[in-house]
């Protein structure tokens, strides 16, 4: 193990001495190495595109999750009951009965509830 260490250390010292004696050649080799690595990085990027994880994933309308499905079904059921009640007030108005102040407040409340359900709040 120690012999490998000393051999590696000797090789590094010889390489350092050669670089000091031949600066133009060492500069040429380093530049060639840099150009090759630069070209390789472009080739890698353009021919083997990196797979970037999508950071923005829109949820599907009906996902595989049972909880999501049940939440959507509950919202739909609430919306149907609201629509039925609003239709009953519409028929009451069309039949000629006057709507009371409580009816108007209830219609406004139901409309706001329906908007909240449809907008996802």
PDB file of N, CA and C in Angstrom:
ATOM      1  N   UNK A   1       0.835  -1.189   0.000  1.00  0.00           N
ATOM      2  CA  UNK A   1       0.000   0.000   0.000  1.00  0.00           C
ATOM      3  C   UNK A   1       0.880   1.254   0.000  1.00  0.00           C
ATOM      4  N   UNK A   2       1.914   1.229   0.814  1.00  0.00           N
ATOM      5  CA  UNK A   2       2.823   2.373   0.899  1.00  0.00           C
ATOM      6  C   UNK A   2       3.622   2.507  -0.391  1.00  0.00           C
ATOM      7  N   UNK A   3       3.940   1.374  -1.029  1.00  0.00           N
ATOM      8  CA  UNK A   3       4.704   1.402  -2.281  1.00  0.00           C
ATOM      9  C   UNK A   3       3.885   2.091  -3.372  1.00  0.00           C
ATOM     10  N   UNK A   4       2.581   1.820  -3.413  1.00  0.00           N
ATOM     11  CA  UNK A   4       1.706   2.461  -4.412  1.00  0.00           C
ATOM     12  C   UNK A   4       1.653   3.961  -4.165  1.00  0.00           C
ATOM     13  N   UNK A   5       1.599   4.358  -2.899  1.00  0.00           N
ATOM     14  CA  UNK A   5       1.575   5.782  -2.547  1.00  0.00           C
ATOM     15  C   UNK A   5       2.837   6.487  -3.039  1.00  0.00           C
ATOM     16  N   UNK A   6       3.998   5.881  -2.773  1.00  0.00           N
ATOM     17  CA  UNK A   6       5.260   6.515  -3.183  1.00  0.00           C
ATOM     18  C   UNK A   6       5.407   6.541  -4.702  1.00  0.00           C
ATOM     19  N   UNK A   7       4.934   5.484  -5.365  1.00  0.00           N
ATOM     20  CA  UNK A   7       5.012   5.447  -6.835  1.00  0.00           C
ATOM     21  C   UNK A   7       4.122   6.538  -7.438  1.00  0.00           C
ATOM     22  N   UNK A   8       2.891   6.701  -6.901  1.00  0.00           N
ATOM     23  CA  UNK A   8       1.969   7.735  -7.385  1.00  0.00           C
ATOM     24  C   UNK A   8       2.537   9.119  -7.120  1.00  0.00           C
ATOM     25  N   UNK A   9       3.137   9.287  -5.950  1.00  0.00           N
ATOM     26  CA  UNK A   9       3.741  10.576  -5.603  1.00  0.00           C
ATOM     27  C   UNK A   9       4.889  10.903  -6.554  1.00  0.00           C
ATOM     28  N   UNK A  10       5.686   9.925  -6.903  1.00  0.00           N
ATOM     29  CA  UNK A  10       6.810  10.128  -7.833  1.00  0.00           C
ATOM     30  C   UNK A  10       6.292  10.483  -9.226  1.00  0.00           C
ATOM     31  N   UNK A  11       5.216   9.821  -9.661  1.00  0.00           N
ATOM     32  CA  UNK A  11       4.641  10.126 -10.983  1.00  0.00           C
ATOM     33  C   UNK A  11       4.105  11.554 -11.030  1.00  0.00           C
ATOM     34  N   UNK A  12       3.477  11.990  -9.961  1.00  0.00           N
ATOM     35  CA  UNK A  12       2.951  13.354  -9.915  1.00  0.00           C
ATOM     36  C   UNK A  12       4.085  14.370  -9.938  1.00  0.00           C
ATOM     37  N   UNK A  13       5.156  14.089  -9.257  1.00  0.00           N
ATOM     38  CA  UNK A  13       6.314  15.010  -9.250  1.00  0.00           C
ATOM     39  C   UNK A  13       6.933  15.081 -10.637  1.00  0.00           C
ATOM     40  N   UNK A  14       7.027  13.936 -11.331  1.00  0.00           N
ATOM     41  CA  UNK A  14       7.578  13.926 -12.688  1.00  0.00           C
ATOM     42  C   UNK A  14       6.676  14.704 -13.648  1.00  0.00           C
ATOM     43  N   UNK A  15       5.369  14.533 -13.493  1.00  0.00           N
ATOM     44  CA  UNK A  15       4.422  15.268 -14.336  1.00  0.00           C
ATOM     45  C   UNK A  15       4.551  16.772 -14.103  1.00  0.00           C
ATOM     46  N   UNK A  16       4.691  17.162 -12.852  1.00  0.00           N
ATOM     47  CA  UNK A  16       4.856  18.583 -12.514  1.00  0.00           C
ATOM     48  C   UNK A  16       6.142  19.142 -13.129  1.00  0.00           C
ATOM     49  N   UNK A  17       7.214  18.397 -13.045  1.00  0.00           N
ATOM     50  CA  UNK A  17       8.487  18.839 -13.643  1.00  0.00           C
ATOM     51  C   UNK A  17       8.363  18.969 -15.158  1.00  0.00           C
ATOM     52  N   UNK A  18       7.686  18.005 -15.817  1.00  0.00           N
ATOM     53  CA  UNK A  18       7.536  18.070 -17.263  1.00  0.00           C
ATOM     54  C   UNK A  18       6.716  19.299 -17.656  1.00  0.00           C
ATOM     55  N   UNK A  19       5.642  19.613 -16.888  1.00  0.00           N
ATOM     56  CA  UNK A  19       4.818  20.788 -17.178  1.00  0.00           C
ATOM     57  C   UNK A  19       5.642  22.053 -17.030  1.00  0.00           C
ATOM     58  N   UNK A  20       6.506  22.112 -16.024  1.00  0.00           N
ATOM     59  CA  UNK A  20       7.355  23.295 -15.824  1.00  0.00           C
ATOM     60  C   UNK A  20       8.372  23.462 -16.952  1.00  0.00           C
ATOM     61  N   UNK A  21       8.861  22.369 -17.515  1.00  0.00           N
ATOM     62  CA  UNK A  21       9.859  22.436 -18.583  1.00  0.00           C
ATOM     63  C   UNK A  21       9.237  22.705 -19.946  1.00  0.00           C
ATOM     64  N   UNK A  22       7.979  22.303 -20.163  1.00  0.00           N
ATOM     65  CA  UNK A  22       7.323  22.432 -21.458  1.00  0.00           C
ATOM     66  C   UNK A  22       5.970  23.150 -21.295  1.00  0.00           C
ATOM     67  N   UNK A  23       5.963  24.455 -21.043  1.00  0.00           N
ATOM     68  CA  UNK A  23       4.686  25.153 -20.803  1.00  0.00           C
ATOM     69  C   UNK A  23       3.793  25.263 -22.040  1.00  0.00           C
ATOM     70  N   UNK A  24       4.400  25.446 -23.235  1.00  0.00           N
ATOM     71  CA  UNK A  24       3.576  25.586 -24.434  1.00  0.00           C
ATOM     72  C   UNK A  24       2.858  24.283 -24.768  1.00  0.00           C
ATOM     73  N   UNK A  25       3.549  23.182 -24.654  1.00  0.00           N
ATOM     74  CA  UNK A  25       2.925  21.895 -24.955  1.00  0.00           C
ATOM     75  C   UNK A  25       1.845  21.557 -23.925  1.00  0.00           C
ATOM     76  N   UNK A  26       2.121  21.829 -22.663  1.00  0.00           N
ATOM     77  CA  UNK A  26       1.129  21.531 -21.626  1.00  0.00           C
ATOM     78  C   UNK A  26      -0.114  22.414 -21.824  1.00  0.00           C
ATOM     79  N   UNK A  27       0.103  23.693 -22.217  1.00  0.00           N
ATOM     80  CA  UNK A  27      -1.026  24.584 -22.494  1.00  0.00           C
ATOM     81  C   UNK A  27      -1.855  24.038 -23.659  1.00  0.00           C
ATOM     82  N   UNK A  28      -1.170  23.561 -24.706  1.00  0.00           N
ATOM     83  CA  UNK A  28      -1.840  23.007 -25.872  1.00  0.00           C
ATOM     84  C   UNK A  28      -2.676  21.787 -25.480  1.00  0.00           C
ATOM     85  N   UNK A  29      -2.142  20.896 -24.684  1.00  0.00           N
ATOM     86  CA  UNK A  29      -2.869  19.696 -24.266  1.00  0.00           C
ATOM     87  C   UNK A  29      -4.070  20.036 -23.374  1.00  0.00           C
ATOM     88  N   UNK A  30      -3.892  21.007 -22.504  1.00  0.00           N
ATOM     89  CA  UNK A  30      -4.995  21.403 -21.630  1.00  0.00           C
ATOM     90  C   UNK A  30      -6.118  22.027 -22.448  1.00  0.00           C
ATOM     91  N   UNK A  31      -5.775  22.852 -23.427  1.00  0.00           N
ATOM     92  CA  UNK A  31      -6.804  23.473 -24.274  1.00  0.00           C
ATOM     93  C   UNK A  31      -7.538  22.427 -25.108  1.00  0.00           C
ATOM     94  N   UNK A  32      -6.817  21.458 -25.629  1.00  0.00           N
ATOM     95  CA  UNK A  32      -7.464  20.387 -26.395  1.00  0.00           C
ATOM     96  C   UNK A  32      -8.428  19.618 -25.498  1.00  0.00           C
ATOM     97  N   UNK A  33      -8.006  19.325 -24.290  1.00  0.00           N
ATOM     98  CA  UNK A  33      -8.865  18.621 -23.339  1.00  0.00           C
ATOM     99  C   UNK A  33     -10.116  19.448 -23.014  1.00  0.00           C
ATOM    100  N   UNK A  34      -9.959  20.754 -22.821  1.00  0.00           N
ATOM    101  CA  UNK A  34     -11.106  21.613 -22.538  1.00  0.00           C
ATOM    102  C   UNK A  34     -12.081  21.671 -23.720  1.00  0.00           C
ATOM    103  N   UNK A  35     -11.552  21.777 -24.933  1.00  0.00           N
ATOM    104  CA  UNK A  35     -12.414  21.824 -26.110  1.00  0.00           C
ATOM    105  C   UNK A  35     -13.183  20.520 -26.295  1.00  0.00           C
ATOM    106  N   UNK A  36     -12.510  19.413 -26.068  1.00  0.00           N
ATOM    107  CA  UNK A  36     -13.183  18.116 -26.202  1.00  0.00           C
ATOM    108  C   UNK A  36     -14.291  17.978 -25.155  1.00  0.00           C
ATOM    109  N   UNK A  37     -14.001  18.380 -23.931  1.00  0.00           N
ATOM    110  CA  UNK A  37     -15.030  18.271 -22.888  1.00  0.00           C
ATOM    111  C   UNK A  37     -16.198  19.226 -23.161  1.00  0.00           C
ATOM    112  N   UNK A  38     -15.902  20.410 -23.694  1.00  0.00           N
ATOM    113  CA  UNK A  38     -16.945  21.364 -24.049  1.00  0.00           C
ATOM    114  C   UNK A  38     -17.825  20.808 -25.166  1.00  0.00           C
ATOM    115  N   UNK A  39     -17.196  20.240 -26.194  1.00  0.00           N
ATOM    116  CA  UNK A  39     -17.944  19.650 -27.302  1.00  0.00           C
ATOM    117  C   UNK A  39     -18.766  18.454 -26.818  1.00  0.00           C
ATOM    118  N   UNK A  40     -18.194  17.658 -25.943  1.00  0.00           N
ATOM    119  CA  UNK A  40     -18.911  16.502 -25.412  1.00  0.00           C
ATOM    120  C   UNK A  40     -20.154  16.930 -24.637  1.00  0.00           C
ATOM    121  N   UNK A  41     -20.050  18.022 -23.881  1.00  0.00           N
ATOM    122  CA  UNK A  41     -21.210  18.477 -23.124  1.00  0.00           C
ATOM    123  C   UNK A  41     -22.329  18.937 -24.051  1.00  0.00           C
ATOM    124  N   UNK A  42     -21.992  19.596 -25.170  1.00  0.00           N
ATOM    125  CA  UNK A  42     -23.014  19.993 -26.137  1.00  0.00           C
ATOM    126  C   UNK A  42     -23.645  18.777 -26.806  1.00  0.00           C
ATOM    127  N   UNK A  43     -22.825  17.818 -27.192  1.00  0.00           N
ATOM    128  CA  UNK A  43     -23.344  16.602 -27.818  1.00  0.00           C
ATOM    129  C   UNK A  43     -24.283  15.888 -26.854  1.00  0.00           C
ATOM    130  N   UNK A  44     -23.867  15.788 -25.620  1.00  0.00           N
ATOM    131  CA  UNK A  44     -24.690  15.116 -24.617  1.00  0.00           C
ATOM    132  C   UNK A  44     -26.017  15.845 -24.431  1.00  0.00           C
ATOM    133  N   UNK A  45     -25.998  17.171 -24.399  1.00  0.00           N
ATOM    134  CA  UNK A  45     -27.233  17.931 -24.181  1.00  0.00           C
ATOM    135  C   UNK A  45     -28.191  17.816 -25.365  1.00  0.00           C
ATOM    136  N   UNK A  46     -27.687  17.930 -26.582  1.00  0.00           N
ATOM    137  CA  UNK A  46     -28.565  17.961 -27.738  1.00  0.00           C
ATOM    138  C   UNK A  46     -29.030  16.584 -28.188  1.00  0.00           C
ATOM    139  N   UNK A  47     -28.215  15.550 -28.010  1.00  0.00           N
ATOM    140  CA  UNK A  47     -28.620  14.223 -28.462  1.00  0.00           C
ATOM    141  C   UNK A  47     -29.201  13.366 -27.350  1.00  0.00           C
ATOM    142  N   UNK A  48     -28.866  13.652 -26.125  1.00  0.00           N
ATOM    143  CA  UNK A  48     -29.409  12.913 -24.985  1.00  0.00           C
ATOM    144  C   UNK A  48     -29.974  13.924 -24.000  1.00  0.00           C
ATOM    145  N   UNK A  49     -31.176  14.392 -24.313  1.00  0.00           N
ATOM    146  CA  UNK A  49     -31.805  15.442 -23.501  1.00  0.00           C
ATOM    147  C   UNK A  49     -31.969  14.978 -22.062  1.00  0.00           C
ATOM    148  N   UNK A  50     -31.687  15.875 -21.102  1.00  0.00           N
ATOM    149  CA  UNK A  50     -31.907  15.506 -19.703  1.00  0.00           C
ATOM    150  C   UNK A  50     -33.402  15.428 -19.413  1.00  0.00           C
ATOM    151  N   UNK A  51     -33.786  14.451 -18.622  1.00  0.00           N
ATOM    152  CA  UNK A  51     -35.191  14.294 -18.267  1.00  0.00           C
ATOM    153  C   UNK A  51     -35.469  15.138 -17.036  1.00  0.00           C
ATOM    154  N   UNK A  52     -36.113  16.273 -17.277  1.00  0.00           N
ATOM    155  CA  UNK A  52     -36.412  17.207 -16.202  1.00  0.00           C
ATOM    156  C   UNK A  52     -37.782  16.856 -15.636  1.00  0.00           C
ATOM    157  N   UNK A  53     -37.858  16.785 -14.330  1.00  0.00           N
ATOM    158  CA  UNK A  53     -39.137  16.491 -13.689  1.00  0.00           C
ATOM    159  C   UNK A  53     -40.071  17.678 -13.876  1.00  0.00           C
ATOM    160  N   UNK A  54     -41.303  17.381 -14.163  1.00  0.00           N
ATOM    161  CA  UNK A  54     -42.282  18.449 -14.342  1.00  0.00           C
ATOM    162  C   UNK A  54     -42.614  19.025 -12.974  1.00  0.00           C
ATOM    163  N   UNK A  55     -42.397  20.319 -12.863  1.00  0.00           N
ATOM    164  CA  UNK A  55     -42.650  20.943 -11.567  1.00  0.00           C
ATOM    165  C   UNK A  55     -44.107  21.343 -11.411  1.00  0.00           C
ATOM    166  N   UNK A  56     -44.809  21.453 -12.519  1.00  0.00           N
ATOM    167  CA  UNK A  56     -46.195  21.882 -12.466  1.00  0.00           C
ATOM    168  C   UNK A  56     -47.055  20.779 -13.064  1.00  0.00           C
ATOM    169  N   UNK A  57     -47.727  20.039 -12.209  1.00  0.00           N
ATOM    170  CA  UNK A  57     -48.572  18.949 -12.661  1.00  0.00           C
ATOM    171  C   UNK A  57     -50.007  19.272 -12.268  1.00  0.00           C
ATOM    172  N   UNK A  58     -50.859  19.336 -13.274  1.00  0.00           N
ATOM    173  CA  UNK A  58     -52.252  19.638 -13.014  1.00  0.00           C
ATOM    174  C   UNK A  58     -52.962  18.366 -12.575  1.00  0.00           C
ATOM    175  N   UNK A  59     -53.795  18.461 -11.540  1.00  0.00           N
ATOM    176  CA  UNK A  59     -54.512  17.264 -11.097  1.00  0.00           C
ATOM    177  C   UNK A  59     -55.563  16.860 -12.121  1.00  0.00           C
ATOM    178  N   UNK A  60     -55.759  15.581 -12.254  1.00  0.00           N
ATOM    179  CA  UNK A  60     -56.760  15.088 -13.184  1.00  0.00           C
ATOM    180  C   UNK A  60     -58.136  15.225 -12.557  1.00  0.00           C
ATOM    181  N   UNK A  61     -59.141  15.274 -13.413  1.00  0.00           N
ATOM    182  CA  UNK A  61     -60.510  15.441 -12.924  1.00  0.00           C
ATOM    183  C   UNK A  61     -60.889  14.266 -12.022  1.00  0.00           C
ATOM    184  N   UNK A  62     -60.658  13.074 -12.495  1.00  0.00           N
ATOM    185  CA  UNK A  62     -60.928  11.885 -11.696  1.00  0.00           C
ATOM    186  C   UNK A  62     -59.612  11.127 -11.541  1.00  0.00           C
ATOM    187  N   UNK A  63     -58.979  11.301 -10.431  1.00  0.00           N
ATOM    188  CA  UNK A  63     -57.713  10.608 -10.211  1.00  0.00           C
ATOM    189  C   UNK A  63     -57.987   9.223  -9.662  1.00  0.00           C
ATOM    190  N   UNK A  64     -56.932   8.470  -9.455  1.00  0.00           N
ATOM    191  CA  UNK A  64     -57.073   7.109  -8.960  1.00  0.00           C
ATOM    192  C   UNK A  64     -57.405   7.069  -7.476  1.00  0.00           C
ATOM    193  N   UNK A  65     -57.260   8.180  -6.820  1.00  0.00           N
ATOM    194  CA  UNK A  65     -57.511   8.225  -5.392  1.00  0.00           C
ATOM    195  C   UNK A  65     -59.007   8.166  -5.106  1.00  0.00           C
ATOM    196  N   UNK A  66     -59.400   7.273  -4.227  1.00  0.00           N
ATOM    197  CA  UNK A  66     -60.809   7.160  -3.861  1.00  0.00           C
ATOM    198  C   UNK A  66     -61.291   8.381  -3.104  1.00  0.00           C
ATOM    199  N   UNK A  67     -60.407   8.982  -2.327  1.00  0.00           N
ATOM    200  CA  UNK A  67     -60.794  10.168  -1.552  1.00  0.00           C
ATOM    201  C   UNK A  67     -61.136  11.318  -2.490  1.00  0.00           C
ATOM    202  N   UNK A  68     -60.341  11.508  -3.503  1.00  0.00           N
ATOM    203  CA  UNK A  68     -60.600  12.587  -4.461  1.00  0.00           C
ATOM    204  C   UNK A  68     -61.917  12.338  -5.189  1.00  0.00           C
ATOM    205  N   UNK A  69     -62.151  11.079  -5.565  1.00  0.00           N
ATOM    206  CA  UNK A  69     -63.405  10.757  -6.246  1.00  0.00           C
ATOM    207  C   UNK A  69     -64.600  11.030  -5.343  1.00  0.00           C
ATOM    208  N   UNK A  70     -64.487  10.638  -4.091  1.00  0.00           N
ATOM    209  CA  UNK A  70     -65.610  10.851  -3.184  1.00  0.00           C
ATOM    210  C   UNK A  70     -65.839  12.338  -2.914  1.00  0.00           C
ATOM    211  N   UNK A  71     -64.756  13.123  -2.823  1.00  0.00           N
ATOM    212  CA  UNK A  71     -64.904  14.575  -2.640  1.00  0.00           C
ATOM    213  C   UNK A  71     -65.628  15.202  -3.828  1.00  0.00           C
ATOM    214  N   UNK A  72     -65.264  14.790  -5.021  1.00  0.00           N
ATOM    215  CA  UNK A  72     -65.897  15.333  -6.223  1.00  0.00           C
ATOM    216  C   UNK A  72     -67.368  14.924  -6.271  1.00  0.00           C
ATOM    217  N   UNK A  73     -67.654  13.665  -5.905  1.00  0.00           N
ATOM    218  CA  UNK A  73     -69.047  13.208  -5.897  1.00  0.00           C
ATOM    219  C   UNK A  73     -69.878  13.988  -4.872  1.00  0.00           C
ATOM    220  N   UNK A  74     -69.300  14.256  -3.704  1.00  0.00           N
ATOM    221  CA  UNK A  74     -70.024  15.023  -2.690  1.00  0.00           C
ATOM    222  C   UNK A  74     -70.319  16.439  -3.172  1.00  0.00           C
ATOM    223  N   UNK A  75     -69.341  17.059  -3.836  1.00  0.00           N
ATOM    224  CA  UNK A  75     -69.564  18.405  -4.372  1.00  0.00           C
ATOM    225  C   UNK A  75     -70.671  18.388  -5.418  1.00  0.00           C
ATOM    226  N   UNK A  76     -70.673  17.362  -6.269  1.00  0.00           N
ATOM    227  CA  UNK A  76     -71.715  17.257  -7.290  1.00  0.00           C
ATOM    228  C   UNK A  76     -73.092  17.089  -6.657  1.00  0.00           C
ATOM    229  N   UNK A  77     -73.178  16.279  -5.610  1.00  0.00           N
ATOM    230  CA  UNK A  77     -74.463  16.077  -4.935  1.00  0.00           C
ATOM    231  C   UNK A  77     -74.955  17.369  -4.281  1.00  0.00           C
ATOM    232  N   UNK A  78     -74.033  18.102  -3.636  1.00  0.00           N
ATOM    233  CA  UNK A  78     -74.423  19.380  -3.021  1.00  0.00           C
ATOM    234  C   UNK A  78     -74.905  20.360  -4.087  1.00  0.00           C
ATOM    235  N   UNK A  79     -74.197  20.383  -5.228  1.00  0.00           N
ATOM    236  CA  UNK A  79     -74.590  21.292  -6.307  1.00  0.00           C
ATOM    237  C   UNK A  79     -75.968  20.926  -6.846  1.00  0.00           C
ATOM    238  N   UNK A  80     -76.279  19.638  -6.957  1.00  0.00           N
ATOM    239  CA  UNK A  80     -77.590  19.213  -7.453  1.00  0.00           C
ATOM    240  C   UNK A  80     -78.704  19.642  -6.507  1.00  0.00           C
ATOM    241  N   UNK A  81     -78.471  19.506  -5.194  1.00  0.00           N
ATOM    242  CA  UNK A  81     -79.519  19.917  -4.240  1.00  0.00           C
ATOM    243  C   UNK A  81     -79.726  21.426  -4.296  1.00  0.00           C
ATOM    244  N   UNK A  82     -78.654  22.174  -4.462  1.00  0.00           N
ATOM    245  CA  UNK A  82     -78.770  23.634  -4.563  1.00  0.00           C
ATOM    246  C   UNK A  82     -79.551  24.017  -5.817  1.00  0.00           C
ATOM    247  N   UNK A  83     -79.246  23.349  -6.927  1.00  0.00           N
ATOM    248  CA  UNK A  83     -79.938  23.642  -8.188  1.00  0.00           C
ATOM    249  C   UNK A  83     -81.423  23.334  -8.070  1.00  0.00           C
ATOM    250  N   UNK A  84     -81.753  22.208  -7.425  1.00  0.00           N
ATOM    251  CA  UNK A  84     -83.166  21.850  -7.253  1.00  0.00           C
ATOM    252  C   UNK A  84     -83.902  22.894  -6.424  1.00  0.00           C
ATOM    253  N   UNK A  85     -83.261  23.355  -5.354  1.00  0.00           N
ATOM    254  CA  UNK A  85     -83.911  24.361  -4.510  1.00  0.00           C
ATOM    255  C   UNK A  85     -84.075  25.680  -5.258  1.00  0.00           C
ATOM    256  N   UNK A  86     -83.052  26.066  -6.043  1.00  0.00           N
ATOM    257  CA  UNK A  86     -83.169  27.290  -6.837  1.00  0.00           C
ATOM    258  C   UNK A  86     -84.276  27.164  -7.882  1.00  0.00           C
ATOM    259  N   UNK A  87     -84.429  25.984  -8.481  1.00  0.00           N
ATOM    260  CA  UNK A  87     -85.497  25.774  -9.453  1.00  0.00           C
ATOM    261  C   UNK A  87     -86.868  25.868  -8.799  1.00  0.00           C
ATOM    262  N   UNK A  88     -86.951  25.403  -7.548  1.00  0.00           N
ATOM    263  CA  UNK A  88     -88.247  25.519  -6.861  1.00  0.00           C
ATOM    264  C   UNK A  88     -88.600  26.989  -6.631  1.00  0.00           C
ATOM    265  N   UNK A  89     -87.612  27.827  -6.309  1.00  0.00           N
ATOM    266  CA  UNK A  89     -87.878  29.265  -6.157  1.00  0.00           C
ATOM    267  C   UNK A  89     -88.249  29.889  -7.497  1.00  0.00           C
ATOM    268  N   UNK A  90     -87.651  29.383  -8.586  1.00  0.00           N
ATOM    269  CA  UNK A  90     -87.968  29.912  -9.914  1.00  0.00           C
ATOM    270  C   UNK A  90     -89.416  29.589 -10.284  1.00  0.00           C
ATOM    271  N   UNK A  91     -89.820  28.364 -10.018  1.00  0.00           N
ATOM    272  CA  UNK A  91     -91.211  27.999 -10.321  1.00  0.00           C
ATOM    273  C   UNK A  91     -92.187  28.784  -9.445  1.00  0.00           C
ATOM    274  N   UNK A  92     -91.799  29.053  -8.207  1.00  0.00           N
ATOM    275  CA  UNK A  92     -92.644  29.850  -7.306  1.00  0.00           C
ATOM    276  C   UNK A  92     -92.831  31.252  -7.877  1.00  0.00           C
ATOM    277  N   UNK A  93     -91.750  31.836  -8.387  1.00  0.00           N
ATOM    278  CA  UNK A  93     -91.825  33.189  -8.968  1.00  0.00           C
ATOM    279  C   UNK A  93     -92.639  33.187 -10.253  1.00  0.00           C
ATOM    280  N   UNK A  94     -92.442  32.146 -11.093  1.00  0.00           N
ATOM    281  CA  UNK A  94     -93.164  32.081 -12.364  1.00  0.00           C
ATOM    282  C   UNK A  94     -94.656  31.818 -12.163  1.00  0.00           C
ATOM    283  N   UNK A  95     -95.007  31.167 -11.058  1.00  0.00           N
ATOM    284  CA  UNK A  95     -96.424  30.894 -10.808  1.00  0.00           C
ATOM    285  C   UNK A  95     -97.172  32.142 -10.340  1.00  0.00           C
ATOM    286  N   UNK A  96     -96.441  33.183 -10.026  1.00  0.00           N
ATOM    287  CA  UNK A  96     -97.084  34.437  -9.661  1.00  0.00           C
ATOM    288  C   UNK A  96     -97.047  34.722  -8.175  1.00  0.00           C
ATOM    289  N   UNK A  97     -96.496  33.802  -7.393  1.00  0.00           N
ATOM    290  CA  UNK A  97     -96.394  34.060  -5.960  1.00  0.00           C
ATOM    291  C   UNK A  97     -95.272  35.065  -5.716  1.00  0.00           C
ATOM    292  N   UNK A  98     -95.496  36.020  -4.860  1.00  0.00           N
ATOM    293  CA  UNK A  98     -94.409  36.973  -4.567  1.00  0.00           C
ATOM    294  C   UNK A  98     -93.353  36.314  -3.663  1.00  0.00           C
ATOM    295  N   UNK A  99     -92.101  36.635  -3.952  1.00  0.00           N
ATOM    296  CA  UNK A  99     -91.009  36.116  -3.138  1.00  0.00           C
ATOM    297  C   UNK A  99     -90.831  37.012  -1.919  1.00  0.00           C
ATOM    298  N   UNK A 100     -90.674  36.391  -0.781  1.00  0.00           N
ATOM    299  CA  UNK A 100     -90.482  37.161   0.446  1.00  0.00           C
ATOM    300  C   UNK A 100     -89.020  37.556   0.573  1.00  0.00           C
ATOM    301  N   UNK A 101     -88.746  38.372   1.576  1.00  0.00           N
ATOM    302  CA  UNK A 101     -87.373  38.799   1.814  1.00  0.00           C
ATOM    303  C   UNK A 101     -86.504  37.599   2.197  1.00  0.00           C
ATOM    304  N   UNK A 102     -87.088  36.677   2.970  1.00  0.00           N
ATOM    305  CA  UNK A 102     -86.347  35.461   3.342  1.00  0.00           C
ATOM    306  C   UNK A 102     -86.022  34.612   2.112  1.00  0.00           C
ATOM    307  N   UNK A 103     -86.962  34.555   1.168  1.00  0.00           N
ATOM    308  CA  UNK A 103     -86.708  33.822  -0.074  1.00  0.00           C
ATOM    309  C   UNK A 103     -85.554  34.447  -0.849  1.00  0.00           C
ATOM    310  N   UNK A 104     -85.533  35.765  -0.926  1.00  0.00           N
ATOM    311  CA  UNK A 104     -84.460  36.459  -1.649  1.00  0.00           C
ATOM    312  C   UNK A 104     -83.110  36.204  -0.984  1.00  0.00           C
ATOM    313  N   UNK A 105     -83.087  36.275   0.339  1.00  0.00           N
ATOM    314  CA  UNK A 105     -81.832  35.998   1.059  1.00  0.00           C
ATOM    315  C   UNK A 105     -81.384  34.562   0.842  1.00  0.00           C
ATOM    316  N   UNK A 106     -82.352  33.635   0.852  1.00  0.00           N
ATOM    317  CA  UNK A 106     -82.016  32.222   0.644  1.00  0.00           C
ATOM    318  C   UNK A 106     -81.483  32.001  -0.764  1.00  0.00           C
ATOM    319  N   UNK A 107     -82.086  32.648  -1.756  1.00  0.00           N
ATOM    320  CA  UNK A 107     -81.615  32.521  -3.144  1.00  0.00           C
ATOM    321  C   UNK A 107     -80.189  33.045  -3.265  1.00  0.00           C
ATOM    322  N   UNK A 108     -79.917  34.197  -2.658  1.00  0.00           N
ATOM    323  CA  UNK A 108     -78.574  34.768  -2.708  1.00  0.00           C
ATOM    324  C   UNK A 108     -77.567  33.834  -2.037  1.00  0.00           C
ATOM    325  N   UNK A 109     -77.941  33.280  -0.879  1.00  0.00           N
ATOM    326  CA  UNK A 109     -77.062  32.359  -0.162  1.00  0.00           C
ATOM    327  C   UNK A 109     -76.778  31.107  -1.003  1.00  0.00           C
ATOM    328  N   UNK A 110     -77.835  30.537  -1.597  1.00  0.00           N
ATOM    329  CA  UNK A 110     -77.660  29.339  -2.420  1.00  0.00           C
ATOM    330  C   UNK A 110     -76.789  29.622  -3.640  1.00  0.00           C
ATOM    331  N   UNK A 111     -76.983  30.790  -4.243  1.00  0.00           N
ATOM    332  CA  UNK A 111     -76.163  31.144  -5.405  1.00  0.00           C
ATOM    333  C   UNK A 111     -74.686  31.246  -5.020  1.00  0.00           C
ATOM    334  N   UNK A 112     -74.409  31.877  -3.867  1.00  0.00           N
ATOM    335  CA  UNK A 112     -73.021  31.981  -3.408  1.00  0.00           C
ATOM    336  C   UNK A 112     -72.434  30.602  -3.106  1.00  0.00           C
ATOM    337  N   UNK A 113     -73.223  29.722  -2.498  1.00  0.00           N
ATOM    338  CA  UNK A 113     -72.760  28.362  -2.215  1.00  0.00           C
ATOM    339  C   UNK A 113     -72.443  27.624  -3.514  1.00  0.00           C
ATOM    340  N   UNK A 114     -73.311  27.793  -4.516  1.00  0.00           N
ATOM    341  CA  UNK A 114     -73.104  27.140  -5.805  1.00  0.00           C
ATOM    342  C   UNK A 114     -71.821  27.658  -6.470  1.00  0.00           C
ATOM    343  N   UNK A 115     -71.599  28.967  -6.435  1.00  0.00           N
ATOM    344  CA  UNK A 115     -70.387  29.541  -7.006  1.00  0.00           C
ATOM    345  C   UNK A 115     -69.138  29.009  -6.298  1.00  0.00           C
ATOM    346  N   UNK A 116     -69.191  28.896  -4.962  1.00  0.00           N
ATOM    347  CA  UNK A 116     -68.059  28.359  -4.211  1.00  0.00           C
ATOM    348  C   UNK A 116     -67.774  26.909  -4.580  1.00  0.00           C
ATOM    349  N   UNK A 117     -68.817  26.126  -4.765  1.00  0.00           N
ATOM    350  CA  UNK A 117     -68.610  24.736  -5.161  1.00  0.00           C
ATOM    351  C   UNK A 117     -67.996  24.626  -6.556  1.00  0.00           C
ATOM    352  N   UNK A 118     -68.472  25.434  -7.479  1.00  0.00           N
ATOM    353  CA  UNK A 118     -67.966  25.366  -8.859  1.00  0.00           C
ATOM    354  C   UNK A 118     -66.554  25.930  -8.980  1.00  0.00           C
ATOM    355  N   UNK A 119     -66.205  26.915  -8.142  1.00  0.00           N
ATOM    356  CA  UNK A 119     -64.871  27.511  -8.213  1.00  0.00           C
ATOM    357  C   UNK A 119     -63.846  26.744  -7.381  1.00  0.00           C
ATOM    358  N   UNK A 120     -64.268  25.740  -6.666  1.00  0.00           N
ATOM    359  CA  UNK A 120     -63.339  24.906  -5.916  1.00  0.00           C
ATOM    360  C   UNK A 120     -62.988  25.426  -4.556  1.00  0.00           C
ATOM    361  N   UNK A 121     -63.714  26.373  -4.022  1.00  0.00           N
ATOM    362  CA  UNK A 121     -63.428  26.904  -2.686  1.00  0.00           C
ATOM    363  C   UNK A 121     -64.120  26.089  -1.622  1.00  0.00           C
TER     364      UNK A 121
END
